[in-house]
PDB file of N, CA and C in Angstrom:
ATOM      1  N   MET A   1    -103.559 -41.592-156.312  1.00  0.00           N
ATOM      2  CA  MET A   1    -103.795 -42.630-155.351  1.00  0.00           C
ATOM      3  C   MET A   1    -105.287 -42.898-155.215  1.00  0.00           C
ATOM      4  N   ARG A   2    -106.100 -41.863-155.316  1.00  0.00           N
ATOM      5  CA  ARG A   2    -107.534 -42.059-155.186  1.00  0.00           C
ATOM      6  C   ARG A   2    -108.068 -42.965-156.290  1.00  0.00           C
ATOM      7  N   ARG A   3    -107.533 -42.820-157.504  1.00  0.00           N
ATOM      8  CA  ARG A   3    -107.997 -43.658-158.608  1.00  0.00           C
ATOM      9  C   ARG A   3    -107.740 -45.122-158.308  1.00  0.00           C
ATOM     10  N   ASN A   4    -106.546 -45.436-157.787  1.00  0.00           N
ATOM     11  CA  ASN A   4    -106.213 -46.821-157.458  1.00  0.00           C
ATOM     12  C   ASN A   4    -107.126 -47.354-156.360  1.00  0.00           C
ATOM     13  N   ARG A   5    -107.401 -46.533-155.351  1.00  0.00           N
ATOM     14  CA  ARG A   5    -108.295 -46.967-154.280  1.00  0.00           C
ATOM     15  C   ARG A   5    -109.698 -47.193-154.818  1.00  0.00           C
ATOM     16  N   SER A   6    -110.140 -46.311-155.718  1.00  0.00           N
ATOM     17  CA  SER A   6    -111.480 -46.459-156.302  1.00  0.00           C
ATOM     18  C   SER A   6    -111.564 -47.739-157.112  1.00  0.00           C
ATOM     19  N   PHE A   7    -110.521 -48.014-157.885  1.00  0.00           N
ATOM     20  CA  PHE A   7    -110.486 -49.238-158.689  1.00  0.00           C
ATOM     21  C   PHE A   7    -110.549 -50.458-157.785  1.00  0.00           C
ATOM     22  N   LEU A   8    -109.743 -50.435-156.731  1.00  0.00           N
ATOM     23  CA  LEU A   8    -109.708 -51.555-155.802  1.00  0.00           C
ATOM     24  C   LEU A   8    -111.063 -51.716-155.128  1.00  0.00           C
ATOM     25  N   MET A   9    -111.663 -50.598-154.704  1.00  0.00           N
ATOM     26  CA  MET A   9    -112.958 -50.670-154.046  1.00  0.00           C
ATOM     27  C   MET A   9    -114.016 -51.231-154.987  1.00  0.00           C
ATOM     28  N   ALA A  10    -113.990 -50.805-156.252  1.00  0.00           N
ATOM     29  CA  ALA A  10    -114.954 -51.316-157.231  1.00  0.00           C
ATOM     30  C   ALA A  10    -114.769 -52.813-157.436  1.00  0.00           C
ATOM     31  N   ALA A  11    -113.529 -53.265-157.497  1.00  0.00           N
ATOM     32  CA  ALA A  11    -113.256 -54.695-157.691  1.00  0.00           C
ATOM     33  C   ALA A  11    -113.739 -55.496-156.491  1.00  0.00           C
ATOM     34  N   VAL A  12    -113.465 -55.002-155.293  1.00  0.00           N
ATOM     35  CA  VAL A  12    -113.888 -55.712-154.088  1.00  0.00           C
ATOM     36  C   VAL A  12    -115.408 -55.725-153.995  1.00  0.00           C
ATOM     37  N   MET A  13    -116.054 -54.591-154.301  1.00  0.00           N
ATOM     38  CA  MET A  13    -117.510 -54.532-154.248  1.00  0.00           C
ATOM     39  C   MET A  13    -118.132 -55.484-155.252  1.00  0.00           C
ATOM     40  N   SER A  14    -117.565 -55.543-156.460  1.00  0.00           N
ATOM     41  CA  SER A  14    -118.142 -56.430-157.468  1.00  0.00           C
ATOM     42  C   SER A  14    -117.970 -57.887-157.058  1.00  0.00           C
ATOM     43  N   LEU A  15    -116.855 -58.217-156.397  1.00  0.00           N
ATOM     44  CA  LEU A  15    -116.669 -59.589-155.917  1.00  0.00           C
ATOM     45  C   LEU A  15    -117.624 -59.895-154.768  1.00  0.00           C
ATOM     46  N   THR A  16    -117.849 -58.895-153.918  1.00  0.00           N
ATOM     47  CA  THR A  16    -118.744 -59.081-152.783  1.00  0.00           C
ATOM     48  C   THR A  16    -120.179 -59.274-153.230  1.00  0.00           C
ATOM     49  N   LEU A  17    -120.580 -58.519-154.264  1.00  0.00           N
ATOM     50  CA  LEU A  17    -121.958 -58.574-154.732  1.00  0.00           C
ATOM     51  C   LEU A  17    -122.214 -59.729-155.694  1.00  0.00           C
ATOM     52  N   ALA A  18    -121.163 -60.390-156.117  1.00  0.00           N
ATOM     53  CA  ALA A  18    -121.317 -61.482-157.081  1.00  0.00           C
ATOM     54  C   ALA A  18    -122.079 -62.644-156.457  1.00  0.00           C
ATOM     55  N   SER A  19    -122.860 -63.296-157.273  1.00  0.00           N
ATOM     56  CA  SER A  19    -123.613 -64.456-156.791  1.00  0.00           C
ATOM     57  C   SER A  19    -122.656 -65.627-156.574  1.00  0.00           C
ATOM     58  N   PRO A  20    -123.035 -66.605-155.776  1.00  0.00           N
ATOM     59  CA  PRO A  20    -122.163 -67.761-155.562  1.00  0.00           C
ATOM     60  C   PRO A  20    -121.782 -68.457-156.863  1.00  0.00           C
ATOM     61  N   SER A  21    -122.709 -68.513-157.818  1.00  0.00           N
ATOM     62  CA  SER A  21    -122.379 -69.175-159.078  1.00  0.00           C
ATOM     63  C   SER A  21    -121.316 -68.390-159.843  1.00  0.00           C
ATOM     64  N   ALA A  22    -121.348 -67.056-159.739  1.00  0.00           N
ATOM     65  CA  ALA A  22    -120.316 -66.241-160.399  1.00  0.00           C
ATOM     66  C   ALA A  22    -118.972 -66.474-159.721  1.00  0.00           C
ATOM     67  N   ALA A  23    -118.970 -66.588-158.405  1.00  0.00           N
ATOM     68  CA  ALA A  23    -117.725 -66.832-157.672  1.00  0.00           C
ATOM     69  C   ALA A  23    -117.122 -68.177-158.058  1.00  0.00           C
ATOM     70  N   GLU A  24    -117.972 -69.192-158.281  1.00  0.00           N
ATOM     71  CA  GLU A  24    -117.484 -70.507-158.666  1.00  0.00           C
ATOM     72  C   GLU A  24    -116.831 -70.483-160.041  1.00  0.00           C
ATOM     73  N   LYS A  25    -117.260 -69.560-160.905  1.00  0.00           N
ATOM     74  CA  LYS A  25    -116.721 -69.478-162.261  1.00  0.00           C
ATOM     75  C   LYS A  25    -115.496 -68.571-162.343  1.00  0.00           C
ATOM     76  N   ALA A  26    -115.121 -67.917-161.246  1.00  0.00           N
ATOM     77  CA  ALA A  26    -113.998 -66.981-161.252  1.00  0.00           C
ATOM     78  C   ALA A  26    -112.718 -67.690-161.689  1.00  0.00           C
ATOM     79  N   THR A  27    -111.903 -66.980-162.452  1.00  0.00           N
ATOM     80  CA  THR A  27    -110.644 -67.545-162.931  1.00  0.00           C
ATOM     81  C   THR A  27    -109.448 -66.997-162.172  1.00  0.00           C
ATOM     82  N   THR A  28    -109.667 -66.007-161.313  1.00  0.00           N
ATOM     83  CA  THR A  28    -108.574 -65.406-160.560  1.00  0.00           C
ATOM     84  C   THR A  28    -108.990 -65.192-159.112  1.00  0.00           C
ATOM     85  N   MET A  29    -108.161 -65.648-158.185  1.00  0.00           N
ATOM     86  CA  MET A  29    -108.391 -65.391-156.771  1.00  0.00           C
ATOM     87  C   MET A  29    -107.577 -64.157-156.392  1.00  0.00           C
ATOM     88  N   VAL A  30    -108.217 -63.167-155.797  1.00  0.00           N
ATOM     89  CA  VAL A  30    -107.553 -61.911-155.458  1.00  0.00           C
ATOM     90  C   VAL A  30    -107.613 -61.693-153.955  1.00  0.00           C
ATOM     91  N   THR A  31    -106.461 -61.358-153.375  1.00  0.00           N
ATOM     92  CA  THR A  31    -106.398 -60.976-151.967  1.00  0.00           C
ATOM     93  C   THR A  31    -105.590 -59.690-151.845  1.00  0.00           C
ATOM     94  N   VAL A  32    -105.915 -58.888-150.855  1.00  0.00           N
ATOM     95  CA  VAL A  32    -105.191 -57.646-150.603  1.00  0.00           C
ATOM     96  C   VAL A  32    -104.571 -57.743-149.219  1.00  0.00           C
ATOM     97  N   VAL A  33    -103.277 -57.451-149.144  1.00  0.00           N
ATOM     98  CA  VAL A  33    -102.570 -57.504-147.871  1.00  0.00           C
ATOM     99  C   VAL A  33    -101.974 -56.128-147.603  1.00  0.00           C
ATOM    100  N   ALA A  34    -102.279 -55.586-146.431  1.00  0.00           N
ATOM    101  CA  ALA A  34    -101.696 -54.316-146.001  1.00  0.00           C
ATOM    102  C   ALA A  34    -100.448 -54.618-145.185  1.00  0.00           C
ATOM    103  N   TYR A  35     -99.347 -53.978-145.518  1.00  0.00           N
ATOM    104  CA  TYR A  35     -98.088 -54.169-144.812  1.00  0.00           C
ATOM    105  C   TYR A  35     -97.692 -52.887-144.098  1.00  0.00           C
ATOM    106  N   ARG A  36     -97.044 -53.053-142.961  1.00  0.00           N
ATOM    107  CA  ARG A  36     -96.418 -51.948-142.242  1.00  0.00           C
ATOM    108  C   ARG A  36     -94.927 -52.101-142.450  1.00  0.00           C
ATOM    109  N   CYS A  37     -94.328 -51.112-143.108  1.00  0.00           N
ATOM    110  CA  CYS A  37     -92.906 -51.169-143.444  1.00  0.00           C
ATOM    111  C   CYS A  37     -92.161 -50.046-142.733  1.00  0.00           C
ATOM    112  N   GLU A  38     -90.834 -50.136-142.690  1.00  0.00           N
ATOM    113  CA  GLU A  38     -90.017 -49.070-142.106  1.00  0.00           C
ATOM    114  C   GLU A  38     -90.327 -47.724-142.745  1.00  0.00           C
ATOM    115  N   GLN A  39     -90.547 -47.724-144.063  1.00  0.00           N
ATOM    116  CA  GLN A  39     -90.752 -46.486-144.807  1.00  0.00           C
ATOM    117  C   GLN A  39     -92.213 -46.044-144.836  1.00  0.00           C
ATOM    118  N   GLY A  40     -93.119 -46.816-144.270  1.00  0.00           N
ATOM    119  CA  GLY A  40     -94.534 -46.468-144.267  1.00  0.00           C
ATOM    120  C   GLY A  40     -95.391 -47.638-144.734  1.00  0.00           C
ATOM    121  N   PRO A  41     -96.703 -47.394-144.869  1.00  0.00           N
ATOM    122  CA  PRO A  41     -97.616 -48.473-145.280  1.00  0.00           C
ATOM    123  C   PRO A  41     -97.469 -48.832-146.760  1.00  0.00           C
ATOM    124  N   LEU A  42     -97.749 -50.085-147.068  1.00  0.00           N
ATOM    125  CA  LEU A  42     -97.707 -50.582-148.443  1.00  0.00           C
ATOM    126  C   LEU A  42     -98.801 -51.625-148.606  1.00  0.00           C
ATOM    127  N   SER A  43     -99.609 -51.484-149.662  1.00  0.00           N
ATOM    128  CA  SER A  43    -100.641 -52.475-149.964  1.00  0.00           C
ATOM    129  C   SER A  43    -100.199 -53.300-151.158  1.00  0.00           C
ATOM    130  N   ILE A  44    -100.346 -54.604-151.035  1.00  0.00           N
ATOM    131  CA  ILE A  44    -100.013 -55.530-152.114  1.00  0.00           C
ATOM    132  C   ILE A  44    -101.270 -56.304-152.472  1.00  0.00           C
ATOM    133  N   ILE A  45    -101.596 -56.318-153.755  1.00  0.00           N
ATOM    134  CA  ILE A  45    -102.728 -57.100-154.257  1.00  0.00           C
ATOM    135  C   ILE A  45    -102.151 -58.371-154.864  1.00  0.00           C
ATOM    136  N   ASN A  46    -102.583 -59.515-154.366  1.00  0.00           N
ATOM    137  CA  ASN A  46    -102.138 -60.816-154.868  1.00  0.00           C
ATOM    138  C   ASN A  46    -103.217 -61.378-155.787  1.00  0.00           C
ATOM    139  N   ALA A  47    -102.827 -61.812-156.957  1.00  0.00           N
ATOM    140  CA  ALA A  47    -103.770 -62.423-157.903  1.00  0.00           C
ATOM    141  C   ALA A  47    -103.206 -63.761-158.353  1.00  0.00           C
ATOM    142  N   LYS A  48    -103.996 -64.814-158.145  1.00  0.00           N
ATOM    143  CA  LYS A  48    -103.582 -66.153-158.582  1.00  0.00           C
ATOM    144  C   LYS A  48    -104.629 -66.664-159.549  1.00  0.00           C
ATOM    145  N   LYS A  49    -104.196 -66.915-160.777  1.00  0.00           N
ATOM    146  CA  LYS A  49    -105.100 -67.393-161.814  1.00  0.00           C
ATOM    147  C   LYS A  49    -105.230 -68.913-161.754  1.00  0.00           C
ATOM    148  N   VAL A  50    -106.332 -69.421-162.261  1.00  0.00           N
ATOM    149  CA  VAL A  50    -106.558 -70.863-162.327  1.00  0.00           C
ATOM    150  C   VAL A  50    -105.429 -71.530-163.112  1.00  0.00           C
ATOM    151  N   SER A  51    -104.871 -70.823-164.087  1.00  0.00           N
ATOM    152  CA  SER A  51    -103.781 -71.356-164.906  1.00  0.00           C
ATOM    153  C   SER A  51    -102.499 -71.575-164.109  1.00  0.00           C
ATOM    154  N   GLY A  52    -102.439 -71.001-162.880  1.00  0.00           N
ATOM    155  CA  GLY A  52    -101.245 -71.132-162.061  1.00  0.00           C
ATOM    156  C   GLY A  52    -100.392 -69.880-162.057  1.00  0.00           C
ATOM    157  N   GLU A  53    -100.649 -68.959-162.974  1.00  0.00           N
ATOM    158  CA  GLU A  53     -99.894 -67.706-163.015  1.00  0.00           C
ATOM    159  C   GLU A  53    -100.189 -66.898-161.757  1.00  0.00           C
ATOM    160  N   GLU A  54     -99.127 -66.357-161.148  1.00  0.00           N
ATOM    161  CA  GLU A  54     -99.277 -65.555-159.945  1.00  0.00           C
ATOM    162  C   GLU A  54     -98.718 -64.162-160.190  1.00  0.00           C
ATOM    163  N   LEU A  55     -99.493 -63.144-159.815  1.00  0.00           N
ATOM    164  CA  LEU A  55     -99.116 -61.748-159.994  1.00  0.00           C
ATOM    165  C   LEU A  55     -99.317 -61.006-158.682  1.00  0.00           C
ATOM    166  N   VAL A  56     -98.555 -59.931-158.501  1.00  0.00           N
ATOM    167  CA  VAL A  56     -98.821 -58.990-157.418  1.00  0.00           C
ATOM    168  C   VAL A  56     -98.821 -57.599-158.011  1.00  0.00           C
ATOM    169  N   TYR A  57     -99.581 -56.713-157.375  1.00  0.00           N
ATOM    170  CA  TYR A  57     -99.649 -55.314-157.772  1.00  0.00           C
ATOM    171  C   TYR A  57     -99.329 -54.478-156.541  1.00  0.00           C
ATOM    172  N   ALA A  58     -98.408 -53.538-156.691  1.00  0.00           N
ATOM    173  CA  ALA A  58     -98.054 -52.622-155.612  1.00  0.00           C
ATOM    174  C   ALA A  58     -98.390 -51.215-156.079  1.00  0.00           C
ATOM    175  N   THR A  59     -98.970 -50.417-155.197  1.00  0.00           N
ATOM    176  CA  THR A  59     -99.275 -49.034-155.519  1.00  0.00           C
ATOM    177  C   THR A  59     -98.148 -48.164-154.990  1.00  0.00           C
ATOM    178  N   LEU A  60     -97.475 -47.482-155.905  1.00  0.00           N
ATOM    179  CA  LEU A  60     -96.362 -46.603-155.548  1.00  0.00           C
ATOM    180  C   LEU A  60     -96.706 -45.195-156.008  1.00  0.00           C
ATOM    181  N   GLY A  61     -97.114 -44.371-155.080  1.00  0.00           N
ATOM    182  CA  GLY A  61     -97.534 -43.019-155.437  1.00  0.00           C
ATOM    183  C   GLY A  61     -98.764 -43.077-156.312  1.00  0.00           C
ATOM    184  N   GLU A  62     -98.659 -42.548-157.515  1.00  0.00           N
ATOM    185  CA  GLU A  62     -99.785 -42.512-158.451  1.00  0.00           C
ATOM    186  C   GLU A  62     -99.800 -43.680-159.434  1.00  0.00           C
ATOM    187  N   LYS A  63     -98.841 -44.602-159.314  1.00  0.00           N
ATOM    188  CA  LYS A  63     -98.827 -45.713-160.272  1.00  0.00           C
ATOM    189  C   LYS A  63     -98.920 -47.064-159.588  1.00  0.00           C
ATOM    190  N   ALA A  64     -99.506 -47.990-160.308  1.00  0.00           N
ATOM    191  CA  ALA A  64     -99.588 -49.378-159.852  1.00  0.00           C
ATOM    192  C   ALA A  64     -98.568 -50.182-160.652  1.00  0.00           C
ATOM    193  N   VAL A  65     -97.785 -50.975-159.958  1.00  0.00           N
ATOM    194  CA  VAL A  65     -96.744 -51.779-160.605  1.00  0.00           C
ATOM    195  C   VAL A  65     -97.156 -53.241-160.556  1.00  0.00           C
ATOM    196  N   GLN A  66     -97.177 -53.885-161.720  1.00  0.00           N
ATOM    197  CA  GLN A  66     -97.491 -55.307-161.819  1.00  0.00           C
ATOM    198  C   GLN A  66     -96.201 -56.102-161.832  1.00  0.00           C
ATOM    199  N   MET A  67     -96.172 -57.167-161.033  1.00  0.00           N
ATOM    200  CA  MET A  67     -95.012 -58.047-160.989  1.00  0.00           C
ATOM    201  C   MET A  67     -95.469 -59.494-161.111  1.00  0.00           C
ATOM    202  N   SER A  68     -94.691 -60.293-161.807  1.00  0.00           N
ATOM    203  CA  SER A  68     -94.991 -61.713-162.016  1.00  0.00           C
ATOM    204  C   SER A  68     -94.064 -62.560-161.162  1.00  0.00           C
ATOM    205  N   ARG A  69     -94.586 -63.693-160.693  1.00  0.00           N
ATOM    206  CA  ARG A  69     -93.775 -64.572-159.860  1.00  0.00           C
ATOM    207  C   ARG A  69     -92.755 -65.317-160.700  1.00  0.00           C
ATOM    208  N   LEU A  70     -91.543 -65.361-160.179  1.00  0.00           N
ATOM    209  CA  LEU A  70     -90.489 -66.166-160.801  1.00  0.00           C
ATOM    210  C   LEU A  70     -90.623 -67.566-160.233  1.00  0.00           C
ATOM    211  N   LYS A  71     -90.869 -68.525-161.080  1.00  0.00           N
ATOM    212  CA  LYS A  71     -91.121 -69.905-160.639  1.00  0.00           C
ATOM    213  C   LYS A  71     -89.839 -70.693-160.394  1.00  0.00           C
ATOM    214  N   ASP A  72     -88.721 -70.216-160.931  1.00  0.00           N
ATOM    215  CA  ASP A  72     -87.475 -70.969-160.841  1.00  0.00           C
ATOM    216  C   ASP A  72     -86.664 -70.637-159.583  1.00  0.00           C
ATOM    217  N   ARG A  73     -87.299 -70.038-158.591  1.00  0.00           N
ATOM    218  CA  ARG A  73     -86.614 -69.644-157.357  1.00  0.00           C
ATOM    219  C   ARG A  73     -87.160 -70.404-156.162  1.00  0.00           C
ATOM    220  N   ALA A  74     -86.318 -70.662-155.201  1.00  0.00           N
ATOM    221  CA  ALA A  74     -86.773 -71.293-153.965  1.00  0.00           C
ATOM    222  C   ALA A  74     -87.581 -70.290-153.148  1.00  0.00           C
ATOM    223  N   GLU A  75     -87.153 -69.015-153.172  1.00  0.00           N
ATOM    224  CA  GLU A  75     -87.875 -67.982-152.437  1.00  0.00           C
ATOM    225  C   GLU A  75     -89.050 -67.467-153.262  1.00  0.00           C
ATOM    226  N   GLU A  76     -90.064 -66.945-152.586  1.00  0.00           N
ATOM    227  CA  GLU A  76     -91.205 -66.362-153.293  1.00  0.00           C
ATOM    228  C   GLU A  76     -90.797 -64.957-153.719  1.00  0.00           C
ATOM    229  N   MET A  77     -90.641 -64.766-155.031  1.00  0.00           N
ATOM    230  CA  MET A  77     -90.151 -63.493-155.571  1.00  0.00           C
ATOM    231  C   MET A  77     -90.938 -63.114-156.815  1.00  0.00           C
ATOM    232  N   TYR A  78     -91.320 -61.845-156.888  1.00  0.00           N
ATOM    233  CA  TYR A  78     -92.069 -61.305-158.018  1.00  0.00           C
ATOM    234  C   TYR A  78     -91.243 -60.184-158.626  1.00  0.00           C
ATOM    235  N   VAL A  79     -91.256 -60.079-159.960  1.00  0.00           N
ATOM    236  CA  VAL A  79     -90.451 -59.082-160.659  1.00  0.00           C
ATOM    237  C   VAL A  79     -91.295 -58.403-161.726  1.00  0.00           C
ATOM    238  N   SER A  80     -91.143 -57.077-161.822  1.00  0.00           N
ATOM    239  CA  SER A  80     -91.798 -56.347-162.911  1.00  0.00           C
ATOM    240  C   SER A  80     -90.907 -56.462-164.137  1.00  0.00           C
ATOM    241  N   LEU A  81     -91.511 -56.530-165.284  1.00  0.00           N
ATOM    242  CA  LEU A  81     -90.747 -56.681-166.523  1.00  0.00           C
ATOM    243  C   LEU A  81     -90.766 -55.367-167.294  1.00  0.00           C
ATOM    244  N   HIS A  82     -89.632 -54.671-167.283  1.00  0.00           N
ATOM    245  CA  HIS A  82     -89.517 -53.381-167.960  1.00  0.00           C
ATOM    246  C   HIS A  82     -88.420 -53.397-169.013  1.00  0.00           C
ATOM    247  N   ALA A  83     -88.188 -54.511-169.644  1.00  0.00           N
ATOM    248  CA  ALA A  83     -87.146 -54.638-170.674  1.00  0.00           C
ATOM    249  C   ALA A  83     -85.816 -54.158-170.109  1.00  0.00           C
ATOM    250  N   ASP A  84     -85.237 -53.124-170.710  1.00  0.00           N
ATOM    251  CA  ASP A  84     -83.922 -52.638-170.293  1.00  0.00           C
ATOM    252  C   ASP A  84     -83.992 -51.470-169.323  1.00  0.00           C
ATOM    253  N   ALA A  85     -85.141 -51.228-168.710  1.00  0.00           N
ATOM    254  CA  ALA A  85     -85.311 -50.064-167.845  1.00  0.00           C
ATOM    255  C   ALA A  85     -85.162 -50.372-166.358  1.00  0.00           C
ATOM    256  N   GLY A  86     -84.794 -51.578-165.998  1.00  0.00           N
ATOM    257  CA  GLY A  86     -84.711 -51.955-164.597  1.00  0.00           C
ATOM    258  C   GLY A  86     -85.982 -52.672-164.169  1.00  0.00           C
ATOM    259  N   SER A  87     -86.062 -53.043-162.882  1.00  0.00           N
ATOM    260  CA  SER A  87     -87.241 -53.784-162.441  1.00  0.00           C
ATOM    261  C   SER A  87     -87.493 -53.602-160.946  1.00  0.00           C
ATOM    262  N   TYR A  88     -88.775 -53.646-160.602  1.00  0.00           N
ATOM    263  CA  TYR A  88     -89.187 -53.710-159.203  1.00  0.00           C
ATOM    264  C   TYR A  88     -89.161 -55.171-158.796  1.00  0.00           C
ATOM    265  N   ARG A  89     -88.910 -55.426-157.509  1.00  0.00           N
ATOM    266  CA  ARG A  89     -88.847 -56.790-157.000  1.00  0.00           C
ATOM    267  C   ARG A  89     -89.553 -56.858-155.652  1.00  0.00           C
ATOM    268  N   TRP A  90     -90.471 -57.793-155.506  1.00  0.00           N
ATOM    269  CA  TRP A  90     -91.174 -58.019-154.244  1.00  0.00           C
ATOM    270  C   TRP A  90     -90.801 -59.401-153.764  1.00  0.00           C
ATOM    271  N   ARG A  91     -90.169 -59.458-152.607  1.00  0.00           N
ATOM    272  CA  ARG A  91     -89.807 -60.729-151.985  1.00  0.00           C
ATOM    273  C   ARG A  91     -90.662 -60.882-150.741  1.00  0.00           C
ATOM    274  N   VAL A  92     -91.237 -62.058-150.595  1.00  0.00           N
ATOM    275  CA  VAL A  92     -92.104 -62.299-149.440  1.00  0.00           C
ATOM    276  C   VAL A  92     -91.775 -63.661-148.843  1.00  0.00           C
ATOM    277  N   ALA A  93     -91.788 -63.696-147.513  1.00  0.00           N
ATOM    278  CA  ALA A  93     -91.568 -64.946-146.778  1.00  0.00           C
ATOM    279  C   ALA A  93     -92.539 -64.931-145.604  1.00  0.00           C
ATOM    280  N   GLY A  94     -93.557 -65.763-145.688  1.00  0.00           N
ATOM    281  CA  GLY A  94     -94.569 -65.789-144.632  1.00  0.00           C
ATOM    282  C   GLY A  94     -95.333 -64.476-144.600  1.00  0.00           C
ATOM    283  N   GLN A  95     -95.292 -63.782-143.475  1.00  0.00           N
ATOM    284  CA  GLN A  95     -96.001 -62.512-143.305  1.00  0.00           C
ATOM    285  C   GLN A  95     -95.084 -61.304-143.481  1.00  0.00           C
ATOM    286  N   SER A  96     -93.844 -61.518-143.942  1.00  0.00           N
ATOM    287  CA  SER A  96     -92.871 -60.439-144.118  1.00  0.00           C
ATOM    288  C   SER A  96     -92.533 -60.270-145.589  1.00  0.00           C
ATOM    289  N   GLY A  97     -92.121 -59.050-145.955  1.00  0.00           N
ATOM    290  CA  GLY A  97     -91.743 -58.811-147.338  1.00  0.00           C
ATOM    291  C   GLY A  97     -90.866 -57.583-147.486  1.00  0.00           C
ATOM    292  N   ALA A  98     -90.361 -57.385-148.700  1.00  0.00           N
ATOM    293  CA  ALA A  98     -89.548 -56.211-149.022  1.00  0.00           C
ATOM    294  C   ALA A  98     -89.723 -55.895-150.503  1.00  0.00           C
ATOM    295  N   LEU A  99     -89.863 -54.603-150.802  1.00  0.00           N
ATOM    296  CA  LEU A  99     -89.986 -54.138-152.184  1.00  0.00           C
ATOM    297  C   LEU A  99     -88.726 -53.370-152.532  1.00  0.00           C
ATOM    298  N   SER A 100     -88.104 -53.724-153.656  1.00  0.00           N
ATOM    299  CA  SER A 100     -86.857 -53.070-154.054  1.00  0.00           C
ATOM    300  C   SER A 100     -86.888 -52.722-155.535  1.00  0.00           C
ATOM    301  N   TRP A 101     -85.871 -51.967-155.953  1.00  0.00           N
ATOM    302  CA  TRP A 101     -85.689 -51.558-157.347  1.00  0.00           C
ATOM    303  C   TRP A 101     -84.280 -51.947-157.754  1.00  0.00           C
ATOM    304  N   LEU A 102     -84.143 -52.569-158.914  1.00  0.00           N
ATOM    305  CA  LEU A 102     -82.839 -52.896-159.473  1.00  0.00           C
ATOM    306  C   LEU A 102     -82.730 -52.194-160.810  1.00  0.00           C
ATOM    307  N   GLY A 103     -81.807 -51.259-160.907  1.00  0.00           N
ATOM    308  CA  GLY A 103     -81.623 -50.489-162.135  1.00  0.00           C
ATOM    309  C   GLY A 103     -81.070 -51.325-163.268  1.00  0.00           C
ATOM    310  N   PRO A 104     -81.057 -50.756-164.484  1.00  0.00           N
ATOM    311  CA  PRO A 104     -80.631 -51.510-165.661  1.00  0.00           C
ATOM    312  C   PRO A 104     -79.114 -51.614-165.835  1.00  0.00           C
ATOM    313  N   GLU A 105     -78.353 -50.848-165.074  1.00  0.00           N
ATOM    314  CA  GLU A 105     -76.904 -50.840-165.242  1.00  0.00           C
ATOM    315  C   GLU A 105     -76.306 -52.185-164.848  1.00  0.00           C
ATOM    316  N   ALA A 106     -75.239 -52.567-165.526  1.00  0.00           N
ATOM    317  CA  ALA A 106     -74.599 -53.855-165.252  1.00  0.00           C
ATOM    318  C   ALA A 106     -74.103 -53.944-163.809  1.00  0.00           C
ATOM    319  N   ASP A 107     -73.679 -52.821-163.239  1.00  0.00           N
ATOM    320  CA  ASP A 107     -73.167 -52.824-161.869  1.00  0.00           C
ATOM    321  C   ASP A 107     -74.186 -52.277-160.861  1.00  0.00           C
ATOM    322  N   ALA A 108     -75.434 -52.272-161.236  1.00  0.00           N
ATOM    323  CA  ALA A 108     -76.490 -51.728-160.367  1.00  0.00           C
ATOM    324  C   ALA A 108     -76.618 -52.540-159.084  1.00  0.00           C
ATOM    325  N   ARG A 109     -76.924 -51.848-158.012  1.00  0.00           N
ATOM    326  CA  ARG A 109     -77.188 -52.494-156.730  1.00  0.00           C
ATOM    327  C   ARG A 109     -78.663 -52.331-156.423  1.00  0.00           C
ATOM    328  N   GLU A 110     -79.231 -53.349-155.849  1.00  0.00           N
ATOM    329  CA  GLU A 110     -80.647 -53.324-155.517  1.00  0.00           C
ATOM    330  C   GLU A 110     -80.894 -52.289-154.411  1.00  0.00           C
ATOM    331  N   LYS A 111     -81.892 -51.420-154.621  1.00  0.00           N
ATOM    332  CA  LYS A 111     -82.232 -50.384-153.647  1.00  0.00           C
ATOM    333  C   LYS A 111     -83.558 -50.760-152.977  1.00  0.00           C
ATOM    334  N   VAL A 112     -83.559 -50.872-151.664  1.00  0.00           N
ATOM    335  CA  VAL A 112     -84.772 -51.217-150.919  1.00  0.00           C
ATOM    336  C   VAL A 112     -85.656 -49.975-150.840  1.00  0.00           C
ATOM    337  N   LEU A 113     -86.890 -50.092-151.344  1.00  0.00           N
ATOM    338  CA  LEU A 113     -87.860 -49.000-151.303  1.00  0.00           C
ATOM    339  C   LEU A 113     -88.750 -49.108-150.071  1.00  0.00           C
ATOM    340  N   PHE A 114     -89.189 -50.323-149.765  1.00  0.00           N
ATOM    341  CA  PHE A 114     -89.984 -50.622-148.580  1.00  0.00           C
ATOM    342  C   PHE A 114     -89.379 -51.867-147.948  1.00  0.00           C
ATOM    343  N   GLY A 115     -88.730 -51.703-146.816  1.00  0.00           N
ATOM    344  CA  GLY A 115     -88.064 -52.822-146.173  1.00  0.00           C
ATOM    345  C   GLY A 115     -88.705 -53.194-144.849  1.00  0.00           C
ATOM    346  N   LYS A 116     -88.384 -54.387-144.387  1.00  0.00           N
ATOM    347  CA  LYS A 116     -88.901 -54.919-143.121  1.00  0.00           C
ATOM    348  C   LYS A 116     -90.409 -54.744-143.020  1.00  0.00           C
ATOM    349  N   CYS A 117     -91.105 -55.177-144.063  1.00  0.00           N
ATOM    350  CA  CYS A 117     -92.554 -55.070-144.111  1.00  0.00           C
ATOM    351  C   CYS A 117     -93.185 -56.260-143.394  1.00  0.00           C
ATOM    352  N   GLU A 118     -94.149 -55.984-142.560  1.00  0.00           N
ATOM    353  CA  GLU A 118     -94.884 -57.012-141.831  1.00  0.00           C
ATOM    354  C   GLU A 118     -96.364 -56.856-142.149  1.00  0.00           C
ATOM    355  N   ALA A 119     -97.028 -57.953-142.443  1.00  0.00           N
ATOM    356  CA  ALA A 119     -98.463 -57.905-142.739  1.00  0.00           C
ATOM    357  C   ALA A 119     -99.198 -57.380-141.512  1.00  0.00           C
ATOM    358  N   ALA A 120    -100.049 -56.386-141.750  1.00  0.00           N
ATOM    359  CA  ALA A 120    -100.846 -55.816-140.663  1.00  0.00           C
ATOM    360  C   ALA A 120    -101.970 -56.772-140.314  1.00  0.00           C
ATOM    361  N   PRO A 121    -102.304 -56.892-139.044  1.00  0.00           N
ATOM    362  CA  PRO A 121    -103.410 -57.772-138.676  1.00  0.00           C
ATOM    363  C   PRO A 121    -104.713 -57.296-139.301  1.00  0.00           C
ATOM    364  N   ALA A 122    -105.568 -58.220-139.690  1.00  0.00           N
ATOM    365  CA  ALA A 122    -106.858 -57.881-140.266  1.00  0.00           C
ATOM    366  C   ALA A 122    -107.724 -57.256-139.182  1.00  0.00           C
ATOM    367  N   ASP A 123    -108.442 -56.207-139.574  1.00  0.00           N
ATOM    368  CA  ASP A 123    -109.328 -55.521-138.610  1.00  0.00           C
ATOM    369  C   ASP A 123    -110.610 -56.277-138.401  1.00  0.00           C
TER     370      ASP A 123
END
């Protein structure tokens, strides 16, 4: 977990120290949202590229999971792509969200890992 925090801190520091001209040339807008969930805290990093591609990163224990936005849905939903190994799913509506896992089995049921998540107010 410390490695992920260090990486995030380095990224935020480099963005903070960047000159205005460097910020104007940026190709990705990054925001970090802290959520309070039933199961505990969860941080989600949102990245939106100039190309329109939208990604989120969730830190789960010692690993960071990348998920891409599904554009063909009415709801805002991001899915990790793990071929036949199942997938993580982040659904967000306004300031609320839920992170789940859907296994690869044909009869798999989605398991909520972090439910009833509410964005924490900015300090």
